[in-house]
């Protein structure tokens, strides 16, 4: 990780903010600083340094998609990435995220409608695959390579091995490809300042062509594991269907489509939880234990094939 990346990125964000505003409040903050991502804010401008090794051309295509769907995705402030310390950097408007301390106010209906609109949008030519299955495979590989003897590793790796190859990122998903977010969760929503501003999807790093059901898989997994209440899940699914979302049947049992990707997201989340807990030198907490238990239960019910 480049030691001075946050300060250099903050300077770039300030430069961009001052160039686009008559007056600047000069509020500055580091919003995230990890091995793969650094995000800083200066007033109403956010600058994001993407992961090392990110293909600038593919990122530019993803940014262009956001610019072309302003009512669905947060539009960028600049049309293409720029380079800083060998990392591609993009600029975005600042927005307020979902409040994690007020789960009852989570905009599940709005999120579902945005996903449906994204999935129904034309798929741009040349857009790379969405990276959801690839990221799940990396999380499991990290667990396998670094913590194979952890007591939780066996049920996770066994549940992963029983998934079809497409859910492990080894083959293309069955069915027609559509425009997908690739990493949907409530943290991928913001709203701009001002009364009545709409929620928008953010983060184009995993945006691409693929199976749209993957974008519904994390809420589905949370619901299946008991981490998302039935009311919130019903609101989310009903809104997605009402907006014409193509990922699940318009009526009837949605789990014919949701089961496999929900299993994959459960394993991915559990694998990340185990590796992080071990790295921090602590035991799994109650939520993390419930994810591992869910992976263990998967082995008693076979995953459906695409033809089921």
Protein backbone atom coordinates (compact mmCIF):
# COMPACT_ATOMS: atom_id res chain seq x y z
CA UNK A 1 0.00 0.00 0.00
CA UNK A 2 1.45 3.37 -0.97
CA UNK A 3 1.97 5.27 2.34
CA UNK A 4 1.18 8.72 0.98
CA UNK A 5 -1.71 7.68 -1.25
CA UNK A 6 -4.49 9.14 0.96
CA UNK A 7 -2.84 12.57 1.16
CA UNK A 8 -2.04 12.62 -2.56
CA UNK A 9 -5.56 11.51 -3.39
CA UNK A 10 -7.03 14.14 -1.06
CA UNK A 11 -5.01 16.80 -2.87
CA UNK A 12 -6.39 15.58 -6.19
CA UNK A 13 -9.94 15.64 -4.80
CA UNK A 14 -9.45 19.19 -3.52
CA UNK A 15 -8.17 20.27 -6.92
CA UNK A 16 -11.21 18.75 -8.63
CA UNK A 17 -13.61 20.26 -6.08
CA UNK A 18 -12.15 23.75 -6.41
CA UNK A 19 -12.26 23.56 -10.19
CA UNK A 20 -15.96 22.77 -10.24
CA UNK A 21 -17.33 24.95 -7.42
CA UNK A 22 -17.59 28.69 -6.96
CA UNK A 23 -17.25 28.26 -3.19
CA UNK A 24 -15.87 25.24 -1.37
CA UNK A 25 -16.56 24.29 2.23
CA UNK A 26 -13.25 22.34 2.21
CA UNK A 27 -14.58 19.50 4.32
CA UNK A 28 -12.06 16.68 3.89
CA UNK A 29 -12.15 13.06 5.06
CA UNK A 30 -10.71 9.65 4.24
CA UNK A 31 -13.72 7.41 3.70
CA UNK A 32 -11.82 4.16 3.13
CA UNK A 33 -8.19 3.08 3.02
CA UNK A 34 -7.50 -0.58 2.31
CA UNK A 35 -5.06 -2.62 0.25
CA UNK A 36 -7.45 -2.63 -2.70
CA UNK A 37 -9.23 0.73 -2.39
CA UNK A 38 -8.68 4.23 -1.09
CA UNK A 39 -11.58 6.70 -1.09
CA UNK A 40 -11.36 10.32 0.06
CA UNK A 41 -13.75 13.24 0.13
CA UNK A 42 -13.18 16.95 -0.31
CA UNK A 43 -16.43 18.89 0.05
CA UNK A 44 -18.84 17.52 -2.57
CA UNK A 45 -16.14 15.64 -4.52
CA UNK A 46 -15.10 12.04 -3.87
CA UNK A 47 -11.92 10.58 -5.36
CA UNK A 48 -11.41 6.82 -5.49
CA UNK A 49 -8.11 5.05 -6.12
CA UNK A 50 -8.99 1.62 -7.49
CA UNK A 51 -7.19 -1.64 -6.78
CA UNK A 52 -3.66 -2.20 -8.05
CA UNK A 53 -3.79 -4.10 -11.31
CA UNK A 54 -7.17 -2.67 -12.32
CA UNK A 55 -7.42 -2.53 -16.11
CA UNK A 56 -7.88 1.19 -16.92
CA UNK A 57 -9.66 0.39 -20.18
CA UNK A 58 -12.20 -1.88 -18.53
CA UNK A 59 -12.70 0.62 -15.74
CA UNK A 60 -13.29 3.36 -18.32
CA UNK A 61 -16.03 1.24 -19.90
CA UNK A 62 -17.66 0.77 -16.51
CA UNK A 63 -17.48 4.49 -15.74
CA UNK A 64 -19.07 5.21 -19.11
CA UNK A 65 -22.00 2.95 -18.21
CA UNK A 66 -22.55 4.95 -15.02
CA UNK A 67 -22.49 8.17 -17.03
CA UNK A 68 -25.11 6.76 -19.38
CA UNK A 69 -27.54 5.62 -16.65
CA UNK A 70 -27.81 8.70 -14.39
CA UNK A 71 -31.12 7.69 -12.86
CA UNK A 72 -29.79 4.29 -11.80
CA UNK A 73 -26.07 4.68 -11.16
CA UNK A 74 -24.32 7.67 -9.62
CA UNK A 75 -22.86 9.54 -12.61
CA UNK A 76 -19.12 10.31 -12.49
CA UNK A 77 -17.67 13.80 -12.34
CA UNK A 78 -15.04 12.94 -14.96
CA UNK A 79 -15.51 10.79 -18.07
CA UNK A 80 -12.46 8.56 -17.62
CA UNK A 81 -9.98 7.43 -14.96
CA UNK A 82 -6.70 9.25 -14.37
CA UNK A 83 -3.50 7.81 -12.88
CA UNK A 84 -2.02 8.43 -9.44
CA UNK A 85 0.90 6.39 -8.06
CA UNK A 86 0.20 3.73 -10.66
CA UNK A 87 -3.45 3.42 -9.63
CA UNK A 88 -6.48 4.47 -11.70
CA UNK A 89 -8.50 7.22 -9.99
CA UNK A 90 -12.11 8.21 -10.62
CA UNK A 91 -14.12 11.21 -9.36
CA UNK A 92 -17.70 11.12 -8.07
CA UNK A 93 -20.22 13.38 -6.32
CA UNK A 94 -20.49 12.92 -2.57
CA UNK A 95 -23.69 11.40 -1.23
CA UNK A 96 -25.16 10.17 2.05
CA UNK A 97 -25.12 6.37 2.51
CA UNK A 98 -27.74 4.16 4.10
CA UNK A 99 -27.73 4.54 7.89
CA UNK A 100 -26.48 1.19 9.29
CA UNK A 101 -27.96 2.05 12.69
CA UNK A 102 -31.50 2.32 11.33
CA UNK A 103 -32.21 -0.99 9.54
CA UNK A 104 -35.97 -0.40 9.54
CA UNK A 105 -35.43 2.63 7.29
CA UNK A 106 -33.32 0.73 4.76
CA UNK A 107 -34.58 1.51 1.24
CA UNK A 108 -35.23 -2.07 0.16
CA UNK A 109 -37.94 -1.16 -2.35
CA UNK A 110 -35.82 1.57 -3.93
CA UNK A 111 -32.81 -0.74 -4.11
CA UNK A 112 -34.83 -3.47 -5.79
CA UNK A 113 -36.27 -1.04 -8.33
CA UNK A 114 -32.81 0.28 -9.18
CA UNK A 115 -31.53 -3.26 -9.72
CA UNK A 116 -34.48 -4.11 -11.96
CA UNK A 117 -33.85 -0.98 -14.04
CA UNK A 118 -30.16 -1.84 -14.27
CA UNK A 119 -30.92 -5.39 -15.39
CA UNK A 120 -33.35 -4.15 -18.03
CA UNK A 121 -30.93 -1.57 -19.47
CA UNK A 122 -29.19 -2.36 -22.78
CA UNK A 123 -25.95 -4.29 -22.35
CA UNK A 124 -23.14 -2.17 -23.82
CA UNK A 125 -20.91 -3.87 -26.35
CA UNK A 126 -17.50 -4.83 -25.04
CA UNK A 127 -18.38 -4.56 -21.36
CA UNK A 128 -16.34 -7.11 -19.36
CA UNK A 129 -18.03 -9.78 -17.24
CA UNK A 130 -19.36 -8.77 -13.85
CA UNK A 131 -16.97 -9.97 -11.17
CA UNK A 132 -19.30 -11.44 -8.55
CA UNK A 133 -18.42 -15.14 -8.97
CA UNK A 134 -14.75 -14.26 -9.40
CA UNK A 135 -14.71 -12.41 -6.07
CA UNK A 136 -16.45 -15.29 -4.33
CA UNK A 137 -13.85 -17.69 -5.71
CA UNK A 138 -11.02 -15.46 -4.46
CA UNK A 139 -12.49 -15.36 -0.95
CA UNK A 140 -12.74 -19.15 -0.83
CA UNK A 141 -9.24 -19.58 -2.30
CA UNK A 142 -7.82 -17.31 0.40
CA UNK A 143 -9.45 -19.43 3.09
CA UNK A 144 -8.18 -22.62 1.48
CA UNK A 145 -4.64 -21.30 1.10
CA UNK A 146 -4.24 -19.65 4.50
CA UNK A 147 -6.62 -21.30 6.99
CA UNK A 148 -7.33 -24.84 5.74
CA UNK A 149 -7.18 -26.36 9.25
CA UNK A 150 -9.58 -23.93 10.88
CA UNK A 151 -12.61 -25.84 12.22
CA UNK A 152 -14.94 -23.77 10.03
CA UNK A 153 -12.97 -24.36 6.83
CA UNK A 154 -14.23 -27.88 6.10
CA UNK A 155 -17.99 -27.13 5.89
CA UNK A 156 -17.29 -24.00 3.84
CA UNK A 157 -15.03 -25.72 1.35
CA UNK A 158 -17.39 -28.69 1.06
CA UNK A 159 -20.39 -26.41 0.42
CA UNK A 160 -18.37 -24.53 -2.19
CA UNK A 161 -17.30 -27.72 -3.98
CA UNK A 162 -20.92 -28.79 -4.39
CA UNK A 163 -21.91 -25.64 -6.28
CA UNK A 164 -22.10 -25.75 -10.09
CA UNK A 165 -19.01 -24.44 -11.94
CA UNK A 166 -20.68 -21.18 -13.04
CA UNK A 167 -21.31 -20.17 -9.43
CA UNK A 168 -17.62 -20.74 -8.68
CA UNK A 169 -16.55 -18.47 -11.55
CA UNK A 170 -15.28 -21.38 -13.63
CA UNK A 171 -17.82 -21.20 -16.46
CA UNK A 172 -20.26 -18.59 -17.86
CA UNK A 173 -23.61 -18.54 -16.10
CA UNK A 174 -26.55 -20.17 -17.89
CA UNK A 175 -29.06 -17.93 -19.64
CA UNK A 176 -28.82 -14.61 -21.40
CA UNK A 177 -26.28 -12.12 -20.08
CA UNK A 178 -27.55 -8.78 -18.78
CA UNK A 179 -26.09 -5.66 -17.22
CA UNK A 180 -25.30 -6.45 -13.58
CA UNK A 181 -23.88 -4.58 -10.59
CA UNK A 182 -21.83 -7.55 -9.40
CA UNK A 183 -21.51 -6.60 -5.72
CA UNK A 184 -24.85 -5.34 -4.48
CA UNK A 185 -25.46 -4.64 -0.80
CA UNK A 186 -26.99 -1.69 1.04
CA UNK A 187 -23.59 0.00 1.27
CA UNK A 188 -23.77 0.45 -2.49
CA UNK A 189 -26.53 3.06 -2.21
CA UNK A 190 -26.24 6.82 -1.68
CA UNK A 191 -28.41 9.88 -2.13
CA UNK A 192 -27.25 13.36 -3.00
CA UNK A 193 -27.87 16.34 -0.72
CA UNK A 194 -31.26 18.03 -0.96
CA UNK A 195 -34.90 17.21 -0.23
CA UNK A 196 -36.41 14.28 -2.05
CA UNK A 197 -33.24 13.21 -3.82
CA UNK A 198 -33.41 9.62 -5.09
CA UNK A 199 -31.23 6.71 -4.06
CA UNK A 200 -28.62 5.67 -6.61
CA UNK A 201 -26.31 2.71 -6.98
CA UNK A 202 -22.57 3.32 -6.59
CA UNK A 203 -19.31 1.39 -7.13
CA UNK A 204 -18.70 0.28 -10.71
CA UNK A 205 -15.68 -1.94 -10.00
CA UNK A 206 -17.64 -5.18 -10.49
CA UNK A 207 -20.19 -3.89 -13.02
CA UNK A 208 -20.48 -6.00 -16.15
CA UNK A 209 -22.32 -8.61 -18.14
CA UNK A 210 -23.61 -11.69 -16.37
CA UNK A 211 -26.55 -13.31 -14.66
CA UNK A 212 -28.73 -10.71 -12.91
CA UNK A 213 -29.79 -13.13 -10.19
CA UNK A 214 -26.35 -12.66 -8.62
CA UNK A 215 -27.36 -9.12 -7.63
CA UNK A 216 -30.26 -10.52 -5.60
CA UNK A 217 -28.16 -13.24 -4.00
CA UNK A 218 -26.79 -11.37 -0.99
CA UNK A 219 -30.22 -10.27 0.35
CA UNK A 220 -31.49 -13.77 -0.43
CA UNK A 221 -28.61 -15.31 1.50
CA UNK A 222 -29.20 -12.99 4.46
CA UNK A 223 -32.86 -13.95 4.48
CA UNK A 224 -32.08 -17.66 4.24
CA UNK A 225 -29.58 -17.36 7.12
CA UNK A 226 -32.02 -15.42 9.31
CA UNK A 227 -30.04 -12.16 9.05
CA UNK A 228 -32.76 -10.34 7.08
CA UNK A 229 -36.34 -10.34 8.30
CA UNK A 230 -39.19 -11.77 6.21
CA UNK A 231 -40.85 -8.36 5.88
CA UNK A 232 -37.75 -6.68 4.43
CA UNK A 233 -37.14 -9.62 2.08
CA UNK A 234 -40.77 -9.58 0.90
CA UNK A 235 -40.59 -5.83 0.26
CA UNK A 236 -37.38 -6.22 -1.72
CA UNK A 237 -38.58 -9.16 -3.83
CA UNK A 238 -42.02 -7.68 -4.45
CA UNK A 239 -40.56 -4.35 -5.60
CA UNK A 240 -38.10 -6.10 -7.91
CA UNK A 241 -40.87 -8.10 -9.53
CA UNK A 242 -43.15 -5.06 -9.78
CA UNK A 243 -40.42 -3.22 -11.69
CA UNK A 244 -40.18 -6.07 -14.21
CA UNK A 245 -36.87 -7.41 -12.96
CA UNK A 246 -35.79 -10.40 -15.09
CA UNK A 247 -33.66 -12.27 -12.53
CA UNK A 248 -36.50 -14.31 -11.01
CA UNK A 249 -39.86 -15.57 -12.31
CA UNK A 250 -42.59 -12.94 -12.31
CA UNK A 251 -44.57 -15.08 -9.86
CA UNK A 252 -44.27 -18.40 -8.11
CA UNK A 253 -41.19 -19.74 -6.32
CA UNK A 254 -38.18 -17.42 -6.77
CA UNK A 255 -35.77 -19.93 -5.23
CA UNK A 256 -35.53 -21.96 -8.40
CA UNK A 257 -33.32 -19.08 -9.58
CA UNK A 258 -32.00 -17.77 -6.25
CA UNK A 259 -30.83 -20.92 -4.50
CA UNK A 260 -27.41 -21.42 -6.13
CA UNK A 261 -26.15 -17.82 -6.04
CA UNK A 262 -27.48 -17.39 -2.49
CA UNK A 263 -25.42 -20.41 -1.46
CA UNK A 264 -22.36 -18.98 -3.19
CA UNK A 265 -22.73 -15.62 -1.43
CA UNK A 266 -23.20 -17.38 1.91
CA UNK A 267 -19.94 -19.28 1.44
CA UNK A 268 -18.14 -16.14 0.27
CA UNK A 269 -19.32 -14.13 3.28
CA UNK A 270 -18.46 -16.93 5.69
CA UNK A 271 -15.00 -17.39 4.15
CA UNK A 272 -14.23 -13.71 4.53
CA UNK A 273 -15.49 -13.76 8.11
CA UNK A 274 -13.24 -16.67 9.06
CA UNK A 275 -10.09 -15.24 7.46
CA UNK A 276 -10.67 -11.83 9.06
CA UNK A 277 -11.39 -13.31 12.50
CA UNK A 278 -8.24 -15.43 12.42
CA UNK A 279 -6.15 -12.49 11.22
CA UNK A 280 -7.50 -10.45 14.13
CA UNK A 281 -6.76 -13.24 16.60
CA UNK A 282 -10.34 -13.61 17.77
CA UNK A 283 -13.07 -16.24 17.80
CA UNK A 284 -16.01 -16.09 15.43
CA UNK A 285 -18.90 -14.00 16.70
CA UNK A 286 -22.54 -15.12 16.72
CA UNK A 287 -23.32 -13.83 13.21
CA UNK A 288 -20.18 -15.42 11.77
CA UNK A 289 -20.99 -18.72 13.46
CA UNK A 290 -24.47 -18.60 11.93
CA UNK A 291 -22.93 -18.23 8.46
CA UNK A 292 -20.70 -21.25 9.02
CA UNK A 293 -23.69 -23.23 10.30
CA UNK A 294 -25.64 -22.27 7.17
CA UNK A 295 -22.82 -23.64 5.00
CA UNK A 296 -22.88 -26.89 6.97
CA UNK A 297 -26.65 -27.20 6.45
CA UNK A 298 -26.29 -26.75 2.68
CA UNK A 299 -24.76 -30.21 2.36
CA UNK A 300 -28.00 -31.84 3.45
CA UNK A 301 -29.94 -30.33 0.52
CA UNK A 302 -28.46 -30.62 -2.96
CA UNK A 303 -28.20 -27.47 -5.04
CA UNK A 304 -30.55 -27.51 -8.05
CA UNK A 305 -29.16 -27.81 -11.55
CA UNK A 306 -30.03 -25.11 -14.15
CA UNK A 307 -32.62 -27.50 -15.61
CA UNK A 308 -34.45 -28.08 -12.31
